[in-house]
Protein backbone atom coordinates (compact mmCIF):
# COMPACT_ATOMS: atom_id res chain seq x y z
CA MET A 1 15.39 -15.68 8.86
CA ASP A 2 12.58 -13.54 7.47
CA THR A 3 12.82 -10.86 4.78
CA ARG A 4 13.05 -7.95 7.23
CA GLN A 5 16.00 -9.48 9.11
CA HIS A 6 17.67 -10.23 5.79
CA GLN A 7 17.25 -6.58 4.81
CA TRP A 8 18.81 -5.43 8.11
CA LEU A 9 21.84 -7.68 7.57
CA GLY A 10 22.29 -6.21 4.11
CA GLN A 11 22.23 -2.68 5.53
CA VAL A 12 24.79 -3.63 8.19
CA LEU A 13 27.12 -5.04 5.52
CA VAL A 14 26.84 -1.92 3.36
CA LEU A 15 27.48 0.39 6.33
CA GLY A 16 30.40 -1.71 7.58
CA VAL A 17 32.25 -1.78 4.26
CA ARG A 18 31.58 1.92 3.69
CA CYS A 19 33.22 2.75 7.03
CA LEU A 20 36.48 0.99 6.09
CA SER A 21 39.45 3.22 5.39
CA ASP A 22 41.45 3.12 2.15
CA SER A 23 44.30 1.26 3.83
CA ASP A 24 41.91 -1.37 5.18
CA LEU A 25 40.35 -1.77 1.75
CA ALA A 26 43.75 -2.28 0.16
CA THR A 27 44.58 -4.99 2.68
CA LEU A 28 41.22 -6.80 2.76
CA ARG A 29 40.12 -6.35 -0.87
CA PRO A 30 40.95 -9.88 -2.22
CA ALA A 31 39.32 -11.71 0.70
CA LEU A 32 36.25 -9.45 0.72
CA GLN A 33 35.76 -9.77 -3.04
CA GLN A 34 35.80 -13.56 -2.76
CA LEU A 35 33.22 -13.50 0.03
CA VAL A 36 31.00 -11.05 -1.84
CA MET A 37 31.03 -13.17 -5.00
CA ALA A 38 30.12 -16.31 -3.03
CA GLY A 39 27.27 -14.53 -1.25
CA LEU A 40 26.07 -13.02 -4.51
CA GLN A 41 25.90 -16.46 -6.13
CA THR A 42 23.90 -17.81 -3.20
CA HIS A 43 21.39 -14.95 -3.40
CA MET A 44 21.03 -15.29 -7.17
CA ASP A 45 20.10 -18.97 -6.72
CA SER A 46 17.30 -18.12 -4.27
CA PRO A 47 13.71 -18.68 -5.51
CA LEU A 48 12.46 -15.59 -3.61
CA PRO A 49 12.49 -12.34 -5.66
CA ALA A 50 13.03 -10.17 -2.55
CA VAL A 51 16.12 -12.16 -1.55
CA ARG A 52 17.53 -11.97 -5.09
CA GLU A 53 17.01 -8.21 -5.34
CA THR A 54 18.54 -7.62 -1.91
CA GLY A 55 21.54 -9.73 -2.86
CA MET A 56 22.01 -7.88 -6.15
CA THR A 57 21.79 -4.47 -4.44
CA VAL A 58 24.18 -5.36 -1.62
CA GLY A 59 26.62 -7.10 -3.99
CA GLU A 60 26.61 -4.13 -6.38
CA SER A 61 27.22 -1.66 -3.54
CA LEU A 62 30.00 -3.71 -1.95
CA MET A 63 31.86 -4.40 -5.21
CA ASN A 64 31.74 -0.73 -6.23
CA ARG A 65 33.03 0.28 -2.79
CA LEU A 66 35.85 -2.26 -2.95
CA ASN A 67 36.87 -0.97 -6.40
CA PRO A 68 36.51 2.83 -6.24
CA THR A 69 38.86 3.48 -9.19
CA LEU A 70 36.62 1.84 -11.78
CA SER A 71 34.84 4.01 -14.31
CA GLU A 72 31.08 4.18 -14.63
CA GLU A 73 31.10 1.71 -17.54
CA GLN A 74 33.24 -0.80 -15.63
CA LYS A 75 31.21 -0.75 -12.39
CA LEU A 76 28.91 -3.65 -11.55
CA ARG A 77 25.27 -2.91 -12.39
CA PHE A 78 22.14 -5.05 -11.96
CA GLU A 79 18.55 -4.52 -13.00
CA TYR A 80 16.15 -4.61 -10.06
CA SER A 81 12.98 -2.90 -8.92
CA SER A 82 13.06 0.42 -7.09
CA SER A 83 11.17 -0.62 -3.98
CA GLU A 84 11.41 1.17 -0.66
CA ASP A 85 13.85 -1.37 0.79
CA ILE A 86 16.10 -1.19 -2.27
CA GLN A 87 16.12 2.60 -2.13
CA ALA A 88 17.10 2.46 1.55
CA LEU A 89 20.07 0.26 0.68
CA LEU A 90 21.12 2.55 -2.16
CA ARG A 91 20.95 5.60 0.11
CA LEU A 92 23.22 3.90 2.63
CA ALA A 93 25.72 3.04 -0.11
CA ARG A 94 26.18 6.65 -1.21
CA PRO A 95 29.33 8.52 -0.07
CA VAL A 96 29.11 10.53 3.13
CA GLU A 97 30.19 13.72 1.35
CA GLU A 98 27.16 13.64 -0.98
CA GLN A 99 24.77 13.10 1.92
CA GLU A 100 26.30 15.99 3.89
CA LYS A 101 26.11 18.25 0.81
CA GLU A 102 22.41 17.46 0.35
CA LEU A 103 21.69 18.06 4.03
CA ARG A 104 23.40 21.46 3.90
CA ALA A 105 21.40 22.36 0.79
CA VAL A 106 18.14 21.36 2.49
CA CYS A 107 18.98 23.37 5.61
CA ARG A 108 19.90 26.40 3.50
CA THR A 109 16.58 26.18 1.62
CA LEU A 110 14.62 25.95 4.86
CA ARG A 111 16.43 28.94 6.37
CA GLU A 112 15.78 31.03 3.27
CA ALA A 113 12.11 30.13 3.51
CA GLY A 114 12.09 31.34 7.14
CA HIS A 115 11.22 27.99 8.69
CA PRO A 116 10.95 28.64 12.47
CA GLU A 117 12.58 25.38 13.60
CA VAL A 118 15.60 25.93 11.41
CA GLU A 119 15.91 29.58 12.54
CA GLY A 120 15.76 28.50 16.19
CA ALA A 121 18.31 25.73 15.63
CA ARG A 122 20.65 28.26 13.95
CA GLN A 123 20.42 30.74 16.81
CA VAL A 124 21.08 28.21 19.64
CA PRO A 125 24.81 27.43 19.94
CA PRO A 126 25.91 23.82 20.55
CA ASP A 127 27.06 24.48 24.14
CA VAL A 128 23.46 24.64 25.39
CA GLN A 129 22.92 20.92 24.86
CA GLY A 130 21.64 19.48 28.12
CA VAL A 131 20.39 22.88 29.38
CA GLY A 132 16.75 22.95 30.51
CA HIS A 133 14.09 24.14 28.12
CA GLU A 134 13.14 27.20 30.16
CA THR A 135 16.77 28.30 30.62
CA ALA A 136 17.50 27.93 26.93
CA ARG A 137 14.39 29.87 25.97
CA GLY A 138 15.24 32.63 28.41
CA ARG A 139 18.77 32.99 27.00
CA TYR A 140 18.19 32.16 23.32
CA GLY A 141 14.45 32.50 23.26
CA GLN A 142 13.62 34.28 20.03
CA GLY A 143 13.82 31.25 17.77
CA MET A 144 12.33 28.88 20.32
CA ALA A 145 9.40 31.18 20.95
CA GLN A 146 8.65 31.18 17.24
CA ALA A 147 8.65 27.38 17.17
CA THR A 148 5.71 27.23 19.58
CA GLU A 149 3.97 30.40 18.47
CA GLY A 150 0.39 29.92 17.45
CA SER A 151 0.02 26.53 19.18
CA ASP A 152 -2.63 26.03 21.79
CA VAL A 153 -0.64 24.50 24.69
CA ASP A 154 -3.71 24.22 26.91
CA SER A 155 -5.74 22.23 24.41
CA ASP A 156 -6.25 18.54 25.16
CA ASP A 157 -8.18 17.68 22.00
CA ASP A 158 -5.25 15.70 20.57
CA LEU A 159 -4.77 13.53 23.67
CA GLU A 160 -5.77 9.89 23.33
CA PRO A 161 -7.63 8.21 26.21
CA TYR A 162 -5.48 5.92 28.31
CA ALA A 163 -6.67 2.31 28.35
CA MET A 164 -7.09 1.29 31.99
CA GLY A 165 -6.29 -2.27 33.02
CA GLU A 166 -9.81 -2.93 34.33
CA ASP A 167 -11.57 -1.21 31.44
CA PRO A 168 -13.78 -3.74 29.59
CA ASP A 169 -13.36 -1.67 26.40
CA SER A 170 -9.57 -2.05 26.46
CA THR A 171 -7.69 -2.21 23.17
CA GLN A 172 -6.05 -5.49 24.19
CA PRO A 173 -7.56 -8.20 21.95
CA ARG A 174 -9.06 -11.24 23.56
CA PRO A 175 -7.46 -14.67 23.10
CA PRO A 176 -9.23 -16.79 20.48
CA ARG A 177 -11.44 -19.59 21.72
CA TYR A 178 -11.90 -21.48 18.45
CA LEU A 179 -9.40 -22.91 15.99
CA ARG A 180 -10.70 -21.09 12.95
CA THR A 181 -10.57 -17.82 14.87
CA LEU A 182 -7.01 -18.71 15.80
CA LEU A 183 -6.14 -19.31 12.14
CA GLN A 184 -7.63 -16.00 11.13
CA ALA A 185 -5.75 -14.14 13.87
CA LEU A 186 -2.41 -15.76 13.01
CA ARG A 187 -2.84 -14.75 9.36
CA SER A 188 -3.52 -11.10 10.26
CA SER A 189 0.02 -9.79 9.83
CA SER A 190 -1.30 -6.22 9.63
CA GLU A 191 -2.44 -6.46 13.29
CA PRO A 192 0.64 -7.56 15.25
CA LEU A 193 -1.03 -7.25 18.66
CA GLN A 194 -3.83 -9.61 17.69
CA GLN A 195 -1.32 -12.01 16.14
CA GLU A 196 0.79 -12.02 19.31
CA THR A 197 -2.25 -12.70 21.52
CA ALA A 198 -3.31 -15.58 19.27
CA LEU A 199 0.18 -17.10 19.31
CA ARG A 200 0.34 -17.00 23.11
CA ALA A 201 -3.00 -18.81 23.34
CA ALA A 202 -2.29 -21.33 20.56
CA GLU A 203 -0.69 -24.08 22.65
CA SER A 204 -3.39 -24.22 25.33
CA LEU A 205 -6.15 -24.11 22.71
CA ILE A 206 -4.59 -26.96 20.71
CA ARG A 207 -4.04 -29.14 23.79
CA SER A 208 -7.68 -28.72 24.76
CA GLN A 209 -8.45 -31.06 21.80
CA PRO A 210 -11.22 -29.18 19.97
CA VAL A 211 -13.58 -31.23 17.86
CA ASP A 212 -12.40 -29.81 14.52
CA LEU A 213 -8.67 -30.14 15.27
CA SER A 214 -8.15 -33.02 12.85
CA GLU A 215 -9.73 -30.99 10.04
CA VAL A 216 -7.51 -27.93 10.33
CA CYS A 217 -4.32 -29.38 11.85
CA GLN A 218 -2.31 -29.36 8.61
CA GLU A 219 -3.44 -25.86 7.69
CA LEU A 220 -2.59 -24.65 11.20
CA ALA A 221 0.85 -26.28 10.97
CA LYS A 222 1.43 -24.49 7.66
CA VAL A 223 0.49 -21.11 9.14
CA LEU A 224 2.68 -21.60 12.21
CA LEU A 225 5.64 -22.77 10.13
CA HIS A 226 5.46 -19.70 7.87
CA LEU A 227 4.69 -17.24 10.66
CA SER A 228 6.89 -14.14 10.39
CA ASP A 229 7.98 -11.86 13.19
CA ALA A 230 5.91 -8.82 12.28
CA SER A 231 5.74 -7.40 15.81
CA GLY A 232 9.35 -8.06 16.85
CA LEU A 233 8.26 -10.49 19.59
CA PRO A 234 11.33 -12.02 21.31
CA GLU A 235 9.38 -15.10 22.45
CA LEU A 236 8.05 -15.89 18.96
CA PRO A 237 10.37 -18.87 18.19
CA ALA A 238 9.62 -20.52 21.55
CA LEU A 239 5.87 -19.91 21.32
CA ARG A 240 5.74 -21.19 17.75
CA HIS A 241 7.78 -24.27 18.71
CA ARG A 242 5.46 -25.13 21.62
CA ALA A 243 2.37 -24.68 19.45
CA LEU A 244 3.76 -26.94 16.71
CA VAL A 245 4.77 -29.59 19.27
CA ALA A 246 1.28 -29.50 20.78
CA LEU A 247 -0.17 -29.87 17.29
CA ALA A 248 2.10 -32.83 16.45
CA VAL A 249 1.23 -34.53 19.75
CA SER A 250 -2.52 -33.99 19.35
CA CYS A 251 -2.67 -35.09 15.68
CA PRO A 252 0.56 -37.03 15.12
CA ALA A 253 -0.18 -38.80 11.84
CA PRO A 254 -1.38 -35.89 9.64
CA VAL A 255 1.03 -33.35 11.12
CA ALA A 256 4.02 -35.68 10.77
CA GLN A 257 3.01 -36.41 7.19
CA TYR A 258 2.91 -32.69 6.41
CA LEU A 259 6.14 -31.74 8.22
CA THR A 260 8.23 -34.58 6.77
CA ALA A 261 7.00 -33.79 3.27
CA GLU A 262 7.77 -30.09 3.66
CA PHE A 263 11.29 -30.77 4.99
CA TYR A 264 12.55 -31.53 1.47
CA SER A 265 10.42 -28.89 -0.23
CA PRO A 266 12.52 -26.32 -2.15
CA HIS A 267 10.68 -23.29 -0.76
CA TYR A 268 12.03 -23.29 2.80
CA SER A 269 15.00 -21.75 4.56
CA LEU A 270 17.46 -23.65 6.72
CA ARG A 271 15.89 -22.14 9.83
CA GLN A 272 12.46 -23.53 8.89
CA ARG A 273 13.90 -26.96 8.16
CA THR A 274 15.68 -26.94 11.51
CA ASP A 275 12.38 -25.98 13.18
CA ILE A 276 10.73 -28.99 11.54
CA LEU A 277 13.39 -31.35 12.92
CA GLU A 278 13.15 -29.87 16.42
CA VAL A 279 9.35 -30.19 16.42
CA LEU A 280 9.48 -33.83 15.28
CA SER A 281 12.05 -34.71 17.96
CA ALA A 282 10.16 -33.03 20.80
CA ALA A 283 6.81 -34.49 19.72
CA ALA A 284 8.25 -38.01 19.45
CA LEU A 285 9.75 -37.86 22.94
CA GLU A 286 6.48 -36.57 24.42
CA LEU A 287 4.44 -39.25 22.64
CA SER A 288 6.76 -41.99 23.90
CA ARG A 289 6.18 -41.03 27.54
CA PRO A 290 3.11 -41.76 29.67
CA HIS A 291 0.10 -39.66 28.85
CA GLY A 292 -0.03 -36.41 30.80
CA THR A 293 3.74 -35.79 31.02
CA ARG A 294 5.01 -32.99 28.83
CA LEU A 295 8.54 -32.44 27.63
CA ALA A 296 8.47 -28.78 28.63
CA GLU A 297 8.05 -29.75 32.28
CA VAL A 298 11.40 -31.59 32.38
CA GLY A 299 14.38 -29.58 33.55
CA VAL A 300 12.50 -26.46 34.60
CA ALA A 301 13.88 -26.52 38.13
CA SER A 302 17.46 -26.80 36.86
CA LEU A 303 17.01 -23.96 34.40
CA HIS A 304 15.44 -21.58 36.87
CA PRO A 305 16.73 -22.43 40.35
CA SER A 306 14.97 -20.64 43.14
CA THR A 307 16.94 -18.63 45.68
CA PRO A 308 16.96 -20.46 49.04
CA SER A 309 15.48 -18.58 51.94
CA PRO A 310 17.62 -18.17 55.08
CA PHE A 311 14.58 -19.00 57.25
CA ARG A 312 12.89 -22.40 57.27
CA PRO A 313 9.51 -23.32 58.74
CA TRP A 314 9.53 -25.16 62.03
CA GLU A 315 8.06 -28.34 60.53
CA GLU A 316 11.03 -28.66 58.18
CA GLU A 317 13.46 -27.99 61.03
CA VAL A 318 11.87 -30.75 63.17
CA ARG A 319 11.86 -33.14 60.21
CA GLU A 320 15.56 -32.57 59.59
CA ARG A 321 16.44 -33.20 63.27
CA LEU A 322 14.42 -36.43 63.36
CA LYS A 323 16.04 -37.59 60.12
CA ALA A 324 19.54 -36.95 61.55
CA LYS A 325 18.80 -39.09 64.67
CA THR A 326 16.95 -41.93 62.92
CA ARG A 327 18.74 -45.05 61.76
CA ILE A 328 17.21 -46.41 58.55
CA ILE A 329 17.60 -50.17 57.99
CA ALA A 330 15.79 -50.39 54.64
CA ARG A 331 13.80 -48.04 52.53
CA GLY A 332 11.01 -48.98 50.18
CA PRO A 333 10.00 -47.11 47.04
CA ARG A 334 8.98 -43.55 47.79
CA HIS A 335 6.53 -43.37 44.92
CA PRO A 336 4.69 -46.28 43.36
CA PRO A 337 5.69 -46.92 39.74
CA PRO A 338 3.30 -45.52 37.17
CA PRO A 339 0.88 -48.01 35.66
CA PRO A 340 2.06 -49.41 32.32
CA THR A 341 0.49 -47.68 29.35
CA PRO A 342 0.93 -48.33 25.62
CA SER A 343 3.24 -45.95 23.79
CA ARG A 344 1.41 -43.38 21.72
CA PHE A 345 4.43 -43.07 19.44
CA ALA A 346 4.63 -46.73 18.39
CA PRO A 347 1.69 -46.63 15.90
CA VAL A 348 3.05 -43.51 14.14
CA ALA A 349 6.82 -44.08 14.46
CA GLY A 350 7.18 -45.04 10.81
CA GLN A 351 5.40 -41.89 9.64
CA PHE A 352 7.87 -39.77 11.62
CA PHE A 353 10.98 -41.75 10.64
CA PHE A 354 10.97 -43.14 7.10
CA PRO A 355 9.95 -40.01 5.13
CA LEU A 356 13.02 -38.20 6.53
CA LEU A 357 15.24 -40.85 4.91
CA ALA A 358 13.49 -40.67 1.55
CA GLY A 359 14.97 -37.62 -0.18
CA PHE A 360 18.30 -36.78 1.44
CA GLU A 361 20.26 -37.47 -1.78
CA GLN A 362 18.19 -35.07 -3.91
CA ALA A 363 19.97 -31.72 -4.29
CA THR A 364 17.82 -28.63 -4.96
CA PRO A 365 18.82 -24.96 -5.40
CA THR A 366 17.93 -24.33 -1.74
CA LEU A 367 18.98 -27.67 -0.16
CA ASP A 368 22.11 -29.77 -0.58
CA LEU A 369 22.56 -32.04 2.42
CA LEU A 370 25.60 -33.82 1.00
CA GLY A 371 27.26 -30.52 0.12
CA ARG A 372 27.00 -27.05 1.59
CA ASP A 373 24.18 -27.83 4.07
CA CYS A 374 26.17 -30.29 6.19
CA LEU A 375 24.98 -28.61 9.41
CA LEU A 376 21.42 -29.54 8.53
CA LEU A 377 22.57 -33.09 7.76
CA GLY A 378 24.03 -33.31 11.28
CA ALA A 379 20.72 -32.09 12.72
CA LEU A 380 18.87 -34.68 10.62
CA LEU A 381 21.06 -37.48 11.99
CA HIS A 382 20.45 -36.26 15.54
CA THR A 383 16.69 -36.22 14.93
CA LEU A 384 16.74 -39.76 13.52
CA GLY A 385 18.60 -40.91 16.63
CA VAL A 386 15.99 -39.29 18.87
CA LEU A 387 13.18 -40.94 16.87
CA MET A 388 14.95 -44.29 17.22
CA GLN A 389 15.15 -43.81 20.98
CA ALA A 390 11.46 -42.88 21.18
CA ALA A 391 10.54 -46.03 19.23
CA THR A 392 12.13 -48.39 21.79
CA HIS A 393 10.10 -51.65 22.10
CA ALA A 394 7.90 -50.61 19.16
CA PRO A 395 7.07 -53.37 16.64
CA ILE A 396 8.57 -51.31 13.84
CA ALA A 397 11.84 -50.69 15.71
CA PRO A 398 13.84 -53.49 13.94
CA SER A 399 12.96 -52.09 10.50
CA MET A 400 13.89 -48.59 11.63
CA ALA A 401 17.20 -49.90 13.01
CA VAL A 402 18.15 -51.56 9.70
CA ALA A 403 17.34 -48.40 7.70
CA LEU A 404 19.18 -46.12 10.12
CA LEU A 405 22.21 -48.44 10.19
CA ASP A 406 22.52 -48.31 6.39
CA PHE A 407 22.19 -44.53 6.48
CA VAL A 408 24.84 -43.86 9.12
CA TRP A 409 27.21 -46.48 7.69
CA ALA A 410 27.33 -44.59 4.39
CA LEU A 411 28.22 -41.32 6.18
CA ARG A 412 30.77 -42.58 8.71
CA TYR A 413 33.74 -41.01 6.86
CA HIS A 414 32.15 -37.60 6.25
CA SER A 415 34.62 -34.71 6.53
CA SER A 416 32.37 -32.41 8.57
CA VAL A 417 32.62 -32.63 12.36
CA CYS A 418 28.91 -31.97 12.91
CA VAL A 419 28.00 -34.85 10.58
CA GLN A 420 30.44 -37.17 12.38
CA GLN A 421 28.87 -36.24 15.71
CA GLY A 422 25.42 -36.91 14.26
CA VAL A 423 26.52 -40.30 12.91
CA LEU A 424 27.98 -41.37 16.27
CA PHE A 425 24.94 -40.11 18.20
CA ALA A 426 22.52 -41.94 15.89
CA LEU A 427 24.62 -45.11 16.12
CA GLY A 428 24.58 -44.90 19.92
CA MET A 429 20.80 -44.48 19.99
CA LEU A 430 20.52 -47.37 17.55
CA LEU A 431 22.59 -49.71 19.74
CA ALA A 432 20.71 -48.64 22.89
CA SER A 433 17.17 -48.91 21.48
CA ALA A 434 17.04 -51.67 18.87
CA PRO A 435 16.55 -55.35 19.80
CA ALA A 436 19.97 -56.96 20.18
CA HIS A 437 19.32 -60.10 18.12
CA SER A 438 17.88 -58.24 15.10
CA LEU A 439 20.61 -55.62 15.31
CA LEU A 440 23.45 -58.14 15.25
CA ALA A 441 21.74 -60.05 12.46
CA SER A 442 21.73 -56.91 10.30
CA MET A 443 25.36 -56.12 11.30
CA GLU A 444 26.63 -59.68 10.76
CA GLY A 445 28.88 -58.74 7.83
CA SER A 446 30.13 -55.43 9.23
CA LEU A 447 30.29 -56.07 12.98
CA ALA A 448 34.08 -56.35 13.14
CA GLU A 449 34.55 -53.35 10.85
CA THR A 450 32.19 -51.28 13.01
CA GLY A 451 34.19 -52.11 16.11
CA HIS A 452 37.50 -51.22 14.41
CA TRP A 453 36.08 -47.93 13.15
CA LEU A 454 34.78 -46.95 16.59
CA ARG A 455 38.14 -47.77 18.17
CA ASP A 456 39.93 -45.65 15.59
CA VAL A 457 37.64 -42.71 16.33
CA CYS A 458 38.21 -43.11 20.08
CA VAL A 459 41.98 -42.94 19.57
CA ASP A 460 42.66 -40.76 16.53
CA ASP A 461 39.79 -38.28 16.16
CA ALA A 462 40.65 -34.66 16.93
CA ASP A 463 37.21 -33.71 18.25
CA GLU A 464 36.60 -34.47 21.92
CA GLN A 465 32.84 -34.87 21.48
CA CYS A 466 33.37 -37.41 18.70
CA ARG A 467 35.75 -39.41 20.89
CA HIS A 468 33.23 -39.41 23.76
CA LEU A 469 30.34 -40.50 21.51
CA ALA A 470 32.47 -43.22 19.90
CA SER A 471 33.50 -44.57 23.32
CA HIS A 472 29.85 -44.70 24.41
CA ALA A 473 28.80 -46.45 21.19
CA LEU A 474 31.65 -48.95 21.49
CA SER A 475 30.63 -49.88 25.04
CA LEU A 476 27.03 -50.35 23.87
CA LEU A 477 28.22 -52.56 21.01
CA ASP A 478 30.26 -54.74 23.35
CA SER A 479 27.37 -55.11 25.79
CA THR A 480 25.03 -56.04 22.91
CA VAL A 481 27.40 -58.73 21.67
CA LYS A 482 27.79 -60.13 25.19
CA GLU A 483 24.03 -60.16 25.76
CA VAL A 484 23.41 -62.08 22.54
CA GLY A 485 26.25 -64.47 23.41
CA ARG A 486 24.80 -65.23 26.83
CA ALA A 487 21.36 -65.79 25.32
CA SER A 488 22.83 -68.20 22.74
CA PHE A 489 24.72 -70.07 25.46
CA ARG A 490 21.56 -70.48 27.54
CA CYS A 491 19.65 -71.77 24.52
CA ALA A 492 22.39 -74.29 23.73
CA SER A 493 22.46 -75.46 27.35
CA CYS A 494 18.70 -75.97 27.36
CA GLU A 495 18.88 -78.01 24.15
CA ARG A 496 21.65 -80.23 25.52
CA SER A 497 19.75 -80.86 28.75
CA ALA A 498 16.59 -81.69 26.83
CA SER A 499 18.39 -84.15 24.56
CA SER A 500 20.14 -85.87 27.52
CA SER A 501 16.85 -86.33 29.36
CA GLN A 502 15.39 -88.09 26.37
């Protein structure tokens, strides 16, 4: 959430509490005071001065509204700057009677000064609202005639030229063709149209693999991660996500190093940290697939189904009739399997995975994964499971499996439902992706306890999603044990046959 959205939420809170009646305040005062104090403490701990000042202003306004009987000395007061946003919040917090009194005083002053618009508004009664301009001027026309007196209605000097679509001198900025031009356009927050055009062209420009991409990839990731919604673009989160995924796929090692390091940095919001996890997951899945297939292409038909036409071409009609009258004995593969290609994610899997496990126990003023930020901890567990799935058959997969198993085993009794779902999802991905022999070797001392815990979750857990994930993980664990048992039996049989032949 950026600063402007945070300011809007503060204004909504001030307006909502101000509109409560006295009876509602008497009923809701204890609960609202507790919520306000908790939110005030969170804002005071923020490292951003704008967030702290907004929290102090909103908290002061809400507490004074909830306790209207306090004297001026007893009211809550903070020291903060008198910026334009703070003044807007303070104006909203003032009583309605004072604002109406000031408006009446201003209107009285304008009428005494003979302002034509105010005179015309005073002469037109309220029942003419919705009446056409000519009718109103004909019936109440003295004031309205004064409002337009002296203006040259036939003059077109103030008209701006309309930018035609085929005009080469159109005001629409051109998409950037170079990475450094893209960086400069994304930083130009004072020109929202140019910034929007650059963001729409960012993904295609990055995937074209410019020569200097490796030099500016980390700086471009930093700009995209901190990009604010200056123009109110609804597609901004999706466009930024696709550009960051393209960047992580094109330069996986440096971009993953930057994103994983910034995940535990104290100067980020929960939304930015969640964006980092989503980008790492999507980039890992795309890198683990054959080159040329993109994650965005999967599921497009299901998301946007096309409306079937009532008329079909004659070729399709003939094909359907022949298919209905043809008996098929056997059918070969419709499409040849793709040629085997090495995974692009295997060489960089460790750089995506292990830094995310490094600092989860360190609590900072803006991040506490083991405390208040349990939702982010659930998202982290889900991301680690996706990375484990993407690293299937990678040489580093056994080491990743051991580290992930230790991590999820320590969190299996967490009280939050989202963390439990993340633990079960990561354990399922671990059992499905890691080599069976190395996995059972690392679980040798806790294999029975893991099975008992999964059975208890399947039976006793109140969350349906947790029960489903535990059942899936338990079936994967049983199949892994059976696979290793069959392999051991075959090895023992081969040894016995070899010894008997000798």
